[in-house]
């Protein structure tokens, strides 16, 4: 789960291999049916996700050890690559440099990407 734009949007993994977005304005949560991000395998795993510091991308790990990046506006997959031997369970962007991020996996490693 992660939050974007000063609590305007809330993102979470769903059990059907999608990232779903909720509008969170005024403290009310409403499913945003126009925004869903697909392609990764997350069902059955607690996999973290993260927004880029500039808000242009959302990223997630997956059960196959990949990292996935989607464009926020189009919801299309921008890129994905193999990052870990087991499940890639977490990703966090560098807060000031959007080209850098950290991943962690069930293979026991934490990796810094540039």
N, C-alpha and C. Protein backbone atom coordinates (compact mmCIF):
# COMPACT_ATOMS: atom_id res chain seq x y z
N UNK A 1 0.83 -1.16 0.00
CA UNK A 1 0.00 0.00 0.00
C UNK A 1 0.89 1.23 0.00
N UNK A 2 0.45 2.28 -0.70
CA UNK A 2 1.17 3.54 -0.69
C UNK A 2 0.21 4.68 -1.00
N UNK A 3 0.65 5.88 -0.69
CA UNK A 3 -0.18 7.07 -0.85
C UNK A 3 0.52 8.03 -1.80
N UNK A 4 -0.27 8.72 -2.62
CA UNK A 4 0.26 9.66 -3.61
C UNK A 4 -0.43 11.02 -3.46
N UNK A 5 0.29 12.07 -3.82
CA UNK A 5 -0.26 13.43 -3.88
C UNK A 5 -0.93 13.87 -2.60
N UNK A 6 -0.16 13.92 -1.53
CA UNK A 6 -0.67 14.43 -0.25
C UNK A 6 -2.02 13.83 0.13
N UNK A 7 -2.07 12.51 0.10
CA UNK A 7 -3.25 11.75 0.53
C UNK A 7 -4.45 11.83 -0.41
N UNK A 8 -4.23 12.19 -1.68
CA UNK A 8 -5.35 12.21 -2.64
C UNK A 8 -5.65 10.83 -3.19
N UNK A 9 -4.62 9.97 -3.28
CA UNK A 9 -4.79 8.63 -3.83
C UNK A 9 -4.15 7.60 -2.91
N UNK A 10 -4.77 6.44 -2.86
CA UNK A 10 -4.30 5.32 -2.06
C UNK A 10 -4.18 4.13 -3.01
N UNK A 11 -3.03 3.48 -3.04
CA UNK A 11 -2.81 2.33 -3.92
C UNK A 11 -2.58 1.07 -3.10
N UNK A 12 -3.11 -0.05 -3.59
CA UNK A 12 -2.92 -1.31 -2.90
C UNK A 12 -2.93 -2.49 -3.86
N UNK A 13 -2.26 -3.56 -3.47
CA UNK A 13 -2.27 -4.79 -4.27
C UNK A 13 -3.61 -5.49 -4.06
N UNK A 14 -4.17 -6.01 -5.12
CA UNK A 14 -5.39 -6.80 -4.99
C UNK A 14 -5.03 -8.28 -5.16
N UNK A 15 -5.94 -9.16 -4.79
CA UNK A 15 -5.66 -10.59 -4.84
C UNK A 15 -5.77 -11.17 -6.25
N UNK A 16 -6.08 -10.34 -7.24
CA UNK A 16 -6.18 -10.83 -8.62
C UNK A 16 -5.08 -10.25 -9.52
N UNK A 17 -3.90 -10.04 -8.94
CA UNK A 17 -2.72 -9.58 -9.67
C UNK A 17 -2.89 -8.20 -10.31
N UNK A 18 -3.49 -7.30 -9.58
CA UNK A 18 -3.66 -5.92 -10.03
C UNK A 18 -3.31 -4.98 -8.90
N UNK A 19 -2.92 -3.78 -9.27
CA UNK A 19 -2.82 -2.68 -8.31
C UNK A 19 -4.05 -1.82 -8.53
N UNK A 20 -4.79 -1.59 -7.47
CA UNK A 20 -6.00 -0.78 -7.56
C UNK A 20 -5.77 0.55 -6.86
N UNK A 21 -6.48 1.57 -7.33
CA UNK A 21 -6.33 2.92 -6.81
C UNK A 21 -7.66 3.38 -6.22
N UNK A 22 -7.57 4.00 -5.08
CA UNK A 22 -8.73 4.62 -4.45
C UNK A 22 -8.51 6.12 -4.36
N UNK A 23 -9.52 6.88 -4.71
CA UNK A 23 -9.51 8.32 -4.46
C UNK A 23 -9.76 8.48 -2.96
N UNK A 24 -8.94 9.30 -2.31
CA UNK A 24 -9.03 9.44 -0.85
C UNK A 24 -9.26 10.88 -0.44
N UNK A 25 -9.96 11.62 -1.25
CA UNK A 25 -10.23 13.02 -0.94
C UNK A 25 -11.23 13.13 0.20
N UNK A 26 -11.02 14.10 1.05
CA UNK A 26 -11.93 14.39 2.17
C UNK A 26 -12.12 13.22 3.12
N UNK A 27 -11.17 12.30 3.17
CA UNK A 27 -11.26 11.18 4.09
C UNK A 27 -12.17 10.05 3.65
N UNK A 28 -12.75 10.16 2.46
CA UNK A 28 -13.60 9.10 1.92
C UNK A 28 -12.82 8.31 0.88
N UNK A 29 -13.00 7.00 0.84
CA UNK A 29 -12.30 6.17 -0.12
C UNK A 29 -13.28 5.68 -1.18
N UNK A 30 -12.93 5.93 -2.45
CA UNK A 30 -13.78 5.50 -3.56
C UNK A 30 -12.88 4.85 -4.61
N UNK A 31 -13.22 3.64 -5.02
CA UNK A 31 -12.44 2.93 -6.02
C UNK A 31 -12.41 3.72 -7.33
N UNK A 32 -11.22 3.94 -7.85
CA UNK A 32 -11.04 4.63 -9.12
C UNK A 32 -10.98 3.54 -10.20
N UNK A 33 -12.06 3.31 -10.89
CA UNK A 33 -12.14 2.23 -11.88
C UNK A 33 -11.32 2.50 -13.14
N UNK A 34 -10.91 3.73 -13.36
CA UNK A 34 -10.10 4.08 -14.53
C UNK A 34 -8.63 3.75 -14.34
N UNK A 35 -8.21 3.60 -13.08
CA UNK A 35 -6.79 3.35 -12.79
C UNK A 35 -6.62 1.95 -12.21
N UNK A 36 -6.06 1.05 -13.01
CA UNK A 36 -5.62 -0.24 -12.49
C UNK A 36 -4.38 -0.65 -13.28
N UNK A 37 -3.46 -1.26 -12.58
CA UNK A 37 -2.17 -1.59 -13.14
C UNK A 37 -2.02 -3.11 -13.11
N UNK A 38 -1.75 -3.70 -14.30
CA UNK A 38 -1.75 -5.16 -14.43
C UNK A 38 -0.46 -5.67 -15.08
N UNK A 39 -0.27 -6.99 -14.98
CA UNK A 39 0.83 -7.65 -15.65
C UNK A 39 1.73 -8.43 -14.72
N UNK A 40 1.80 -8.02 -13.47
CA UNK A 40 2.67 -8.68 -12.51
C UNK A 40 1.92 -9.79 -11.77
N UNK A 41 2.68 -10.65 -11.10
CA UNK A 41 2.10 -11.74 -10.31
C UNK A 41 2.29 -11.42 -8.83
N UNK A 42 1.20 -11.10 -8.15
CA UNK A 42 1.31 -10.74 -6.74
C UNK A 42 0.37 -11.54 -5.84
N UNK A 43 -0.56 -12.28 -6.40
CA UNK A 43 -1.55 -13.01 -5.61
C UNK A 43 -0.88 -13.96 -4.63
N UNK A 44 -1.29 -13.88 -3.37
CA UNK A 44 -0.77 -14.76 -2.34
C UNK A 44 0.48 -14.25 -1.64
N UNK A 45 0.97 -13.09 -2.03
CA UNK A 45 2.18 -12.53 -1.44
C UNK A 45 1.94 -11.11 -0.93
N UNK A 46 2.65 -10.74 0.11
CA UNK A 46 2.62 -9.37 0.61
C UNK A 46 3.73 -8.61 -0.11
N UNK A 47 3.38 -7.96 -1.20
CA UNK A 47 4.36 -7.27 -2.03
C UNK A 47 4.10 -5.77 -1.95
N UNK A 48 5.14 -5.04 -1.60
CA UNK A 48 5.02 -3.59 -1.49
C UNK A 48 5.03 -2.91 -2.84
N UNK A 49 4.57 -1.68 -2.84
CA UNK A 49 4.63 -0.86 -4.04
C UNK A 49 4.98 0.56 -3.65
N UNK A 50 5.34 1.36 -4.65
CA UNK A 50 5.85 2.69 -4.36
C UNK A 50 5.60 3.63 -5.53
N UNK A 51 5.33 4.89 -5.22
CA UNK A 51 5.25 5.93 -6.25
C UNK A 51 6.60 6.60 -6.40
N UNK A 52 6.93 6.98 -7.62
CA UNK A 52 8.16 7.75 -7.84
C UNK A 52 8.01 9.11 -7.17
N UNK A 53 9.13 9.74 -6.80
CA UNK A 53 9.04 11.04 -6.11
C UNK A 53 8.29 12.10 -6.91
N UNK A 54 8.35 12.03 -8.22
CA UNK A 54 7.66 13.01 -9.06
C UNK A 54 6.22 12.60 -9.38
N UNK A 55 5.80 11.41 -8.92
CA UNK A 55 4.44 10.94 -9.12
C UNK A 55 4.12 10.43 -10.51
N UNK A 56 5.11 10.32 -11.39
CA UNK A 56 4.86 9.89 -12.76
C UNK A 56 4.74 8.38 -12.90
N UNK A 57 5.30 7.62 -11.95
CA UNK A 57 5.31 6.17 -12.06
C UNK A 57 4.89 5.52 -10.75
N UNK A 58 4.39 4.29 -10.88
CA UNK A 58 4.15 3.44 -9.73
C UNK A 58 4.91 2.14 -10.00
N UNK A 59 5.49 1.56 -8.95
CA UNK A 59 6.33 0.37 -9.11
C UNK A 59 5.94 -0.69 -8.10
N UNK A 60 6.20 -1.94 -8.48
CA UNK A 60 5.90 -3.08 -7.61
C UNK A 60 6.88 -4.21 -7.91
N UNK A 61 7.09 -5.03 -6.91
CA UNK A 61 7.78 -6.29 -7.15
C UNK A 61 6.76 -7.32 -7.59
N UNK A 62 7.23 -8.57 -7.79
CA UNK A 62 6.28 -9.65 -8.09
C UNK A 62 6.82 -11.01 -7.66
N UNK A 63 5.98 -12.03 -7.78
CA UNK A 63 6.31 -13.37 -7.31
C UNK A 63 7.45 -14.01 -8.08
N UNK A 64 7.70 -13.57 -9.31
CA UNK A 64 8.79 -14.12 -10.12
C UNK A 64 10.11 -13.40 -9.91
N UNK A 65 10.16 -12.45 -8.98
CA UNK A 65 11.39 -11.72 -8.71
C UNK A 65 11.60 -10.49 -9.59
N UNK A 66 10.58 -10.11 -10.33
CA UNK A 66 10.70 -8.95 -11.21
C UNK A 66 10.29 -7.67 -10.50
N UNK A 67 10.78 -6.56 -11.05
CA UNK A 67 10.32 -5.23 -10.67
C UNK A 67 9.55 -4.69 -11.86
N UNK A 68 8.38 -4.11 -11.59
CA UNK A 68 7.50 -3.57 -12.63
C UNK A 68 7.31 -2.08 -12.43
N UNK A 69 7.32 -1.35 -13.53
CA UNK A 69 7.07 0.09 -13.51
C UNK A 69 5.92 0.40 -14.48
N UNK A 70 4.95 1.19 -14.01
CA UNK A 70 3.83 1.60 -14.85
C UNK A 70 3.77 3.12 -14.90
N UNK A 71 3.32 3.64 -16.02
CA UNK A 71 3.08 5.06 -16.16
C UNK A 71 1.78 5.42 -15.45
N UNK A 72 1.80 6.41 -14.57
CA UNK A 72 0.61 6.78 -13.80
C UNK A 72 -0.53 7.25 -14.69
N UNK A 73 -0.23 8.07 -15.69
CA UNK A 73 -1.29 8.65 -16.52
C UNK A 73 -1.95 7.62 -17.42
N UNK A 74 -1.15 6.77 -18.08
CA UNK A 74 -1.70 5.83 -19.06
C UNK A 74 -2.02 4.47 -18.46
N UNK A 75 -1.48 4.14 -17.32
CA UNK A 75 -1.57 2.84 -16.62
C UNK A 75 -0.89 1.71 -17.41
N UNK A 76 -0.11 2.04 -18.41
CA UNK A 76 0.59 1.03 -19.22
C UNK A 76 1.93 0.70 -18.59
N UNK A 77 2.34 -0.57 -18.77
CA UNK A 77 3.64 -1.00 -18.27
C UNK A 77 4.74 -0.25 -19.01
N UNK A 78 5.61 0.38 -18.25
CA UNK A 78 6.72 1.14 -18.81
C UNK A 78 7.94 0.24 -18.97
N UNK A 79 8.18 -0.61 -17.95
CA UNK A 79 9.36 -1.47 -17.96
C UNK A 79 9.21 -2.53 -16.88
N UNK A 80 9.90 -3.65 -17.07
CA UNK A 80 10.02 -4.66 -16.01
C UNK A 80 11.31 -5.44 -16.25
N UNK A 81 11.90 -5.92 -15.17
CA UNK A 81 13.12 -6.72 -15.30
C UNK A 81 13.28 -7.61 -14.07
N UNK A 82 14.07 -8.66 -14.24
CA UNK A 82 14.34 -9.60 -13.16
C UNK A 82 15.30 -8.97 -12.17
N UNK A 83 14.87 -8.87 -10.90
CA UNK A 83 15.69 -8.23 -9.88
C UNK A 83 16.18 -9.20 -8.81
N UNK A 84 15.41 -10.27 -8.54
CA UNK A 84 15.74 -11.21 -7.46
C UNK A 84 15.46 -12.64 -7.90
N UNK A 85 16.12 -13.59 -7.22
CA UNK A 85 15.93 -15.01 -7.53
C UNK A 85 14.59 -15.52 -7.01
N UNK A 86 14.10 -14.97 -5.92
CA UNK A 86 12.80 -15.34 -5.39
C UNK A 86 11.84 -14.17 -5.54
N UNK A 87 10.83 -14.15 -4.71
CA UNK A 87 9.84 -13.07 -4.73
C UNK A 87 10.53 -11.73 -4.47
N UNK A 88 10.21 -10.73 -5.26
CA UNK A 88 10.64 -9.35 -5.00
C UNK A 88 9.53 -8.72 -4.19
N UNK A 89 9.75 -8.57 -2.88
CA UNK A 89 8.66 -8.20 -1.98
C UNK A 89 8.60 -6.72 -1.62
N UNK A 90 9.56 -5.93 -2.09
CA UNK A 90 9.51 -4.52 -1.76
C UNK A 90 10.32 -3.66 -2.70
N UNK A 91 9.89 -2.41 -2.85
CA UNK A 91 10.60 -1.42 -3.65
C UNK A 91 10.36 -0.05 -3.04
N UNK A 92 11.39 0.76 -2.98
CA UNK A 92 11.28 2.15 -2.52
C UNK A 92 12.19 3.01 -3.38
N UNK A 93 11.63 4.12 -3.86
CA UNK A 93 12.40 5.07 -4.65
C UNK A 93 13.24 5.96 -3.74
N UNK A 94 14.37 6.41 -4.26
CA UNK A 94 15.15 7.45 -3.59
C UNK A 94 14.27 8.70 -3.55
N UNK A 95 14.19 9.39 -2.43
CA UNK A 95 13.25 10.51 -2.33
C UNK A 95 13.57 11.73 -3.20
N UNK A 96 14.82 11.85 -3.65
CA UNK A 96 15.20 13.04 -4.42
C UNK A 96 15.72 12.74 -5.81
N UNK A 97 16.08 11.50 -6.07
CA UNK A 97 16.63 11.12 -7.37
C UNK A 97 15.79 10.00 -7.96
N UNK A 98 14.85 10.32 -8.86
CA UNK A 98 13.91 9.32 -9.36
C UNK A 98 14.52 8.20 -10.19
N UNK A 99 15.79 8.31 -10.56
CA UNK A 99 16.42 7.23 -11.32
C UNK A 99 17.00 6.15 -10.40
N UNK A 100 16.92 6.35 -9.09
CA UNK A 100 17.50 5.40 -8.13
C UNK A 100 16.41 4.83 -7.23
N UNK A 101 16.54 3.52 -6.94
CA UNK A 101 15.57 2.87 -6.06
C UNK A 101 16.21 1.64 -5.42
N UNK A 102 15.54 1.11 -4.41
CA UNK A 102 16.00 -0.06 -3.66
C UNK A 102 14.94 -1.13 -3.74
N UNK A 103 15.36 -2.39 -3.90
CA UNK A 103 14.44 -3.53 -3.86
C UNK A 103 14.92 -4.52 -2.81
N UNK A 104 13.99 -5.34 -2.32
CA UNK A 104 14.35 -6.44 -1.44
C UNK A 104 13.59 -7.67 -1.88
N UNK A 105 14.16 -8.82 -1.57
CA UNK A 105 13.55 -10.06 -2.02
C UNK A 105 13.67 -11.19 -1.03
N UNK A 106 12.92 -12.25 -1.30
CA UNK A 106 12.97 -13.44 -0.47
C UNK A 106 14.29 -14.18 -0.60
N UNK A 107 15.13 -13.77 -1.54
CA UNK A 107 16.45 -14.38 -1.66
C UNK A 107 17.42 -13.83 -0.61
N UNK A 108 16.92 -12.94 0.26
CA UNK A 108 17.73 -12.42 1.36
C UNK A 108 18.60 -11.22 0.98
N UNK A 109 18.36 -10.64 -0.18
CA UNK A 109 19.18 -9.52 -0.61
C UNK A 109 18.38 -8.22 -0.66
N UNK A 110 19.11 -7.13 -0.47
CA UNK A 110 18.60 -5.78 -0.68
C UNK A 110 19.50 -5.18 -1.75
N UNK A 111 18.89 -4.65 -2.82
CA UNK A 111 19.68 -4.15 -3.94
C UNK A 111 19.37 -2.68 -4.21
N UNK A 112 20.43 -1.92 -4.46
CA UNK A 112 20.32 -0.52 -4.80
C UNK A 112 20.54 -0.39 -6.29
N UNK A 113 19.59 0.22 -7.00
CA UNK A 113 19.64 0.32 -8.44
C UNK A 113 19.82 1.78 -8.86
N UNK A 114 20.68 1.96 -9.87
CA UNK A 114 20.93 3.31 -10.38
C UNK A 114 20.83 3.32 -11.88
